[in-house]
Amino acid sequence: MSKVPVTSRYESIPKRNFRNAIIKLCEEHYKILGSRKVLQLLADDIVQLHQEFYPEAKHRGMGYIVWRTTAASTKKPSYGQRAEDYQVTTVLLPLISDEDIEARLVGKQAKADNQFISQQERDIQVMARLIKSAYAQGGILSGAELSVLLNRSLTAIGRYLKIYHQQHPQEILPTKGNILDQGSSPTHKGVIIDLYEQGYPEIDIARLTTHNIESVGRYIKTYRDVKLMLEKELSLMEMVRVTGKGRSTIIQYRKLVDLYHPNLKKLDNDDIENKEGSDETKAPNAP
């Protein structure tokens, strides 16, 4: 009578894993019978999803939070696209840093001139840290997500972003709105065109402004088109009809052209303020 090899006694140990538990669950509880290979592939996919949603955070310090957000690789959404259809990714966000805790331990956080840093300033520091960390991991946070993470209103988050960009005019925080070009804020347009007028290549502008090169190309193309139409002395509404872009968007670009090329036809205030044109000539804001 042959003896069972000693090594075979250990074979069952690694088989008691999460993947095989899924296969057993499908077979015994859900009666999903058939090809073992199909169940194995299904189990592999579930294991992969589990790793994405619950990544190992042991190598991180305390204060990190696991967050599921829109992937930075997501393309600009089309009309009617649902939020749940966006590409998503899991990131580990440094919600509380060692510096935050140290500031609480010493009882205050002061600037170099011993002036206290306000709650708003601390919020802005944390907000910028979260946005940059998410982007470095391939994610982009929305204003609503920042509102939840910081426990502040959407209005406050909008104010924080405005203050940050005013204090850092050559930097654009890579939020979901900026990366996917949502909203009509001219902040990122202005920085991109400023770098373009300084002679920076598009690839460098994309890197400096944390935009993808396609978005940078669209901004620059629209700017060039508006500049050309100003040279040809087209009116505001003619530009709207030619480009298919919104009136307010064209006004933003006209102001940028006037800033860098004041020798061209000056902006006509009456033309800007005049509400001429029907609803059919107005298009949604676009970069």
Protein backbone atom coordinates (compact mmCIF):
# COMPACT_ATOMS: atom_id res chain seq x y z
CA MET A 1 0.00 0.00 0.00
CA SER A 2 1.58 3.27 -1.15
CA LYS A 3 1.78 6.15 1.19
CA VAL A 4 0.46 9.58 0.35
CA PRO A 5 3.42 11.93 -0.23
CA VAL A 6 3.94 14.37 2.61
CA THR A 7 3.92 17.32 0.23
CA SER A 8 0.42 16.49 -1.00
CA ARG A 9 -0.95 17.20 2.47
CA TYR A 10 -0.25 20.88 1.88
CA GLU A 11 -1.91 21.12 -1.53
CA SER A 12 -5.34 22.01 -0.17
CA ILE A 13 -4.12 25.02 1.82
CA PRO A 14 -3.59 27.50 -1.06
CA LYS A 15 -6.83 26.29 -2.65
CA ARG A 16 -8.87 27.76 0.21
CA ASN A 17 -8.67 31.20 -1.33
CA PHE A 18 -11.14 33.93 -2.27
CA ARG A 19 -11.19 32.92 -5.95
CA ASN A 20 -12.14 29.30 -5.31
CA ALA A 21 -14.71 30.40 -2.73
CA ILE A 22 -16.44 32.39 -5.47
CA ILE A 23 -16.49 29.36 -7.78
CA LYS A 24 -17.93 27.17 -5.01
CA LEU A 25 -20.55 29.82 -4.20
CA CYS A 26 -21.66 29.97 -7.84
CA GLU A 27 -21.93 26.20 -8.10
CA GLU A 28 -23.55 25.36 -4.77
CA HIS A 29 -25.70 28.37 -3.89
CA TYR A 30 -26.57 29.87 -7.27
CA LYS A 31 -26.55 26.57 -9.19
CA ILE A 32 -24.43 28.06 -11.96
CA LEU A 33 -23.25 24.84 -13.55
CA GLY A 34 -21.43 24.17 -16.77
CA SER A 35 -18.00 25.07 -17.98
CA ARG A 36 -15.50 25.24 -15.14
CA LYS A 37 -13.43 27.59 -17.28
CA VAL A 38 -16.27 30.14 -17.46
CA LEU A 39 -16.62 30.11 -13.67
CA GLN A 40 -12.88 30.55 -13.28
CA LEU A 41 -12.90 33.57 -15.59
CA LEU A 42 -15.88 35.02 -13.71
CA ALA A 43 -14.05 34.51 -10.40
CA ASP A 44 -10.93 36.19 -11.80
CA ASP A 45 -12.97 39.24 -12.81
CA ILE A 46 -14.58 39.48 -9.37
CA VAL A 47 -11.19 39.20 -7.66
CA GLN A 48 -9.88 41.99 -9.89
CA LEU A 49 -12.85 44.21 -9.03
CA HIS A 50 -12.31 43.55 -5.34
CA GLN A 51 -8.66 44.60 -5.64
CA GLU A 52 -9.68 47.81 -7.42
CA PHE A 53 -12.35 48.76 -4.88
CA TYR A 54 -10.41 47.66 -1.81
CA PRO A 55 -6.71 48.24 -2.51
CA GLU A 56 -4.04 47.40 0.01
CA ALA A 57 -3.38 50.51 2.09
CA LYS A 58 -0.93 49.05 4.59
CA HIS A 59 2.00 50.84 2.99
CA ARG A 60 0.26 54.18 3.47
CA GLY A 61 0.30 56.18 6.65
CA MET A 62 -2.78 56.94 8.70
CA GLY A 63 -5.19 59.54 7.42
CA TYR A 64 -5.62 58.02 3.96
CA ILE A 65 -9.07 57.30 2.57
CA VAL A 66 -10.01 54.88 -0.20
CA TRP A 67 -12.03 56.76 -2.81
CA ARG A 68 -13.66 55.68 -6.06
CA THR A 69 -13.64 58.50 -8.62
CA THR A 70 -13.68 59.31 -12.34
CA ALA A 71 -10.58 58.16 -14.22
CA ALA A 72 -8.42 60.89 -15.73
CA SER A 73 -8.48 58.96 -19.02
CA THR A 74 -12.23 59.60 -19.37
CA LYS A 75 -13.14 61.51 -22.51
CA LYS A 76 -15.27 64.64 -22.50
CA PRO A 77 -18.85 63.40 -21.86
CA SER A 78 -21.36 63.43 -24.67
CA TYR A 79 -24.88 64.79 -24.29
CA GLY A 80 -27.03 62.51 -22.16
CA GLN A 81 -24.13 60.38 -20.91
CA ARG A 82 -24.76 59.09 -17.39
CA ALA A 83 -22.25 59.62 -14.61
CA GLU A 84 -22.15 55.88 -13.89
CA ASP A 85 -20.95 55.28 -17.46
CA TYR A 86 -17.73 57.22 -16.89
CA GLN A 87 -14.48 55.30 -16.56
CA VAL A 88 -13.64 55.01 -12.86
CA THR A 89 -10.61 54.24 -10.73
CA THR A 90 -9.78 53.80 -7.05
CA VAL A 91 -7.36 56.19 -5.36
CA LEU A 92 -5.92 56.54 -1.85
CA LEU A 93 -6.31 60.15 -0.76
CA PRO A 94 -4.27 61.84 2.01
CA LEU A 95 -7.23 63.38 3.80
CA ILE A 96 -5.21 63.98 6.97
CA SER A 97 -1.44 64.51 6.81
CA ASP A 98 1.20 64.40 9.52
CA GLU A 99 1.46 68.19 9.20
CA ASP A 100 -2.26 68.55 9.93
CA ILE A 101 -1.91 66.55 13.13
CA GLU A 102 1.25 68.39 14.16
CA ALA A 103 -0.58 71.70 13.79
CA ARG A 104 -3.26 70.47 16.17
CA LEU A 105 -0.68 69.17 18.67
CA VAL A 106 1.08 72.51 18.98
CA GLY A 107 -2.25 74.25 19.27
CA LYS A 108 -1.85 76.55 16.30
CA GLN A 109 -0.61 76.77 12.76
CA ALA A 110 1.10 80.03 11.91
CA LYS A 111 2.71 81.64 8.91
CA ALA A 112 6.30 82.88 8.86
CA ASP A 113 5.14 86.26 10.23
CA ASN A 114 3.32 84.51 13.11
CA GLN A 115 -0.08 85.34 11.67
CA PHE A 116 -2.56 82.52 12.20
CA ILE A 117 -3.62 80.53 9.17
CA SER A 118 -7.40 80.68 8.81
CA GLN A 119 -9.72 77.72 8.48
CA GLN A 120 -10.29 78.70 4.86
CA GLU A 121 -6.56 78.63 4.12
CA ARG A 122 -6.26 75.19 5.72
CA ASP A 123 -9.20 73.96 3.68
CA ILE A 124 -7.61 75.23 0.49
CA GLN A 125 -4.33 73.48 1.33
CA VAL A 126 -6.13 70.18 1.93
CA MET A 127 -8.28 70.63 -1.20
CA ALA A 128 -5.22 71.15 -3.41
CA ARG A 129 -3.49 68.16 -1.82
CA LEU A 130 -6.46 65.87 -2.50
CA ILE A 131 -6.86 67.03 -6.10
CA LYS A 132 -3.17 66.61 -6.92
CA SER A 133 -2.94 63.23 -5.21
CA ALA A 134 -5.99 61.89 -7.06
CA TYR A 135 -4.64 63.09 -10.40
CA ALA A 136 -1.21 61.55 -9.75
CA GLN A 137 -3.01 58.23 -9.30
CA GLY A 138 -5.07 58.61 -12.47
CA GLY A 139 -8.24 60.08 -10.95
CA ILE A 140 -10.04 63.43 -11.16
CA LEU A 141 -12.20 64.76 -8.33
CA SER A 142 -15.36 66.77 -8.90
CA GLY A 143 -16.57 69.73 -6.87
CA ALA A 144 -19.25 67.52 -5.33
CA GLU A 145 -16.66 64.97 -4.21
CA LEU A 146 -14.51 67.70 -2.67
CA SER A 147 -17.61 69.03 -0.94
CA VAL A 148 -18.16 65.63 0.71
CA LEU A 149 -14.49 65.02 1.54
CA LEU A 150 -13.99 68.45 3.12
CA ASN A 151 -17.52 68.72 4.55
CA ARG A 152 -17.99 72.09 2.88
CA SER A 153 -20.72 73.40 0.58
CA LEU A 154 -20.37 73.44 -3.19
CA THR A 155 -20.34 77.23 -3.00
CA ALA A 156 -17.37 77.11 -0.61
CA ILE A 157 -15.49 74.68 -2.86
CA GLY A 158 -16.05 76.97 -5.85
CA ARG A 159 -14.72 79.89 -3.83
CA TYR A 160 -11.69 77.89 -2.72
CA LEU A 161 -10.85 76.95 -6.31
CA LYS A 162 -11.14 80.58 -7.41
CA ILE A 163 -8.87 81.76 -4.60
CA TYR A 164 -6.30 79.06 -5.33
CA HIS A 165 -6.10 79.95 -9.02
CA GLN A 166 -5.82 83.64 -8.19
CA GLN A 167 -2.90 82.86 -5.89
CA HIS A 168 -1.30 80.47 -8.40
CA PRO A 169 -1.98 82.05 -11.82
CA GLN A 170 0.33 79.66 -13.69
CA GLU A 171 -1.18 76.51 -12.19
CA ILE A 172 -4.49 74.82 -12.84
CA LEU A 173 -5.76 72.26 -10.36
CA PRO A 174 -6.74 69.13 -12.34
CA THR A 175 -10.34 68.86 -11.19
CA LYS A 176 -12.96 66.94 -13.14
CA GLY A 177 -14.43 70.20 -14.44
CA ASN A 178 -11.10 71.46 -15.76
CA ILE A 179 -9.94 68.17 -17.27
CA LEU A 180 -13.27 67.39 -18.95
CA ASP A 181 -13.87 71.05 -19.84
CA GLN A 182 -17.12 71.34 -17.91
CA GLY A 183 -18.34 74.83 -17.22
CA SER A 184 -17.48 78.15 -18.88
CA SER A 185 -14.82 79.43 -16.50
CA PRO A 186 -12.12 81.20 -18.53
CA THR A 187 -9.38 80.43 -15.98
CA HIS A 188 -7.88 77.46 -17.78
CA LYS A 189 -8.42 79.05 -21.18
CA GLY A 190 -6.43 82.10 -20.07
CA VAL A 191 -3.49 80.11 -18.73
CA ILE A 192 -3.30 77.87 -21.79
CA ILE A 193 -3.43 80.81 -24.22
CA ASP A 194 -0.87 82.73 -22.15
CA LEU A 195 1.58 79.83 -22.43
CA TYR A 196 0.78 79.50 -26.14
CA GLU A 197 1.53 83.19 -26.73
CA GLN A 198 4.82 82.73 -24.87
CA GLY A 199 5.81 80.13 -27.45
CA TYR A 200 5.41 76.94 -25.43
CA PRO A 201 4.75 73.78 -27.52
CA GLU A 202 1.34 72.17 -27.03
CA ILE A 203 2.82 69.11 -25.33
CA ASP A 204 4.52 71.32 -22.71
CA ILE A 205 1.33 73.34 -22.21
CA ALA A 206 -0.57 70.10 -21.57
CA ARG A 207 2.00 69.06 -18.98
CA LEU A 208 2.13 72.43 -17.23
CA THR A 209 -1.66 72.81 -17.06
CA THR A 210 -2.45 69.14 -16.33
CA HIS A 211 -4.68 68.97 -19.41
CA ASN A 212 -4.58 66.32 -22.09
CA ILE A 213 -3.08 67.46 -25.37
CA GLU A 214 -6.41 67.12 -27.22
CA SER A 215 -8.04 69.70 -24.92
CA VAL A 216 -5.09 72.06 -25.30
CA GLY A 217 -5.32 71.71 -29.06
CA ARG A 218 -9.04 72.60 -29.01
CA TYR A 219 -8.43 75.73 -26.94
CA ILE A 220 -5.63 76.92 -29.19
CA LYS A 221 -7.57 76.16 -32.38
CA THR A 222 -10.59 78.15 -31.16
CA TYR A 223 -8.30 81.02 -30.15
CA ARG A 224 -6.67 81.05 -33.58
CA ASP A 225 -10.06 80.90 -35.32
CA VAL A 226 -11.41 83.83 -33.30
CA LYS A 227 -8.22 85.82 -33.96
CA LEU A 228 -8.57 85.17 -37.69
CA MET A 229 -12.23 86.21 -37.67
CA LEU A 230 -11.35 89.41 -35.80
CA GLU A 231 -8.78 90.17 -38.48
CA LYS A 232 -11.57 89.76 -41.03
CA GLU A 233 -13.79 92.01 -38.86
CA LEU A 234 -16.58 89.49 -38.35
CA SER A 235 -19.20 90.46 -35.78
CA LEU A 236 -19.79 88.60 -32.55
CA MET A 237 -22.89 86.76 -33.79
CA GLU A 238 -21.18 85.88 -37.07
CA MET A 239 -18.43 84.21 -35.01
CA VAL A 240 -21.06 82.32 -33.02
CA ARG A 241 -22.66 81.03 -36.21
CA VAL A 242 -19.34 80.10 -37.86
CA THR A 243 -17.86 78.28 -34.86
CA GLY A 244 -21.07 76.82 -33.42
CA LYS A 245 -19.89 77.88 -29.97
CA GLY A 246 -21.73 79.87 -27.34
CA ARG A 247 -21.82 83.66 -27.27
CA SER A 248 -20.13 83.88 -23.86
CA THR A 249 -17.37 81.53 -25.02
CA ILE A 250 -16.60 83.68 -28.07
CA ILE A 251 -16.53 86.79 -25.86
CA GLN A 252 -13.96 85.10 -23.63
CA TYR A 253 -11.74 84.34 -26.61
CA ARG A 254 -12.20 87.83 -28.05
CA LYS A 255 -10.96 89.30 -24.79
CA LEU A 256 -7.92 87.04 -24.89
CA VAL A 257 -7.14 88.06 -28.47
CA ASP A 258 -7.52 91.72 -27.54
CA LEU A 259 -5.14 91.21 -24.60
CA TYR A 260 -2.32 89.76 -26.71
CA HIS A 261 -3.05 91.53 -30.00
CA PRO A 262 -4.37 95.02 -29.13
CA ASN A 263 -3.61 96.20 -32.66
CA LEU A 264 -6.57 94.21 -33.98
CA LYS A 265 -10.13 95.52 -34.03
CA LYS A 266 -10.99 96.61 -30.48
CA LEU A 267 -13.85 94.96 -28.68
CA ASP A 268 -17.06 96.88 -29.08
CA ASN A 269 -18.74 97.07 -25.67
CA ASP A 270 -22.11 97.64 -27.26
CA ASP A 271 -21.55 94.53 -29.36
CA ILE A 272 -20.66 92.46 -26.29
CA GLU A 273 -23.56 93.63 -24.20
CA ASN A 274 -26.11 93.59 -27.01
CA LYS A 275 -28.38 90.56 -26.67
CA GLU A 276 -28.81 90.19 -30.41
CA GLY A 277 -29.47 86.85 -32.01
CA SER A 278 -32.17 84.26 -31.55
CA ASP A 279 -32.05 81.09 -29.48
CA GLU A 280 -31.23 79.16 -32.64
CA THR A 281 -27.89 81.00 -32.98
CA LYS A 282 -26.81 80.17 -29.45
CA ALA A 283 -24.86 77.00 -28.85
CA PRO A 284 -23.82 75.39 -25.55
CA ASN A 285 -20.58 76.74 -24.10
CA ALA A 286 -17.56 74.90 -25.44
CA PRO A 287 -13.81 75.42 -25.13
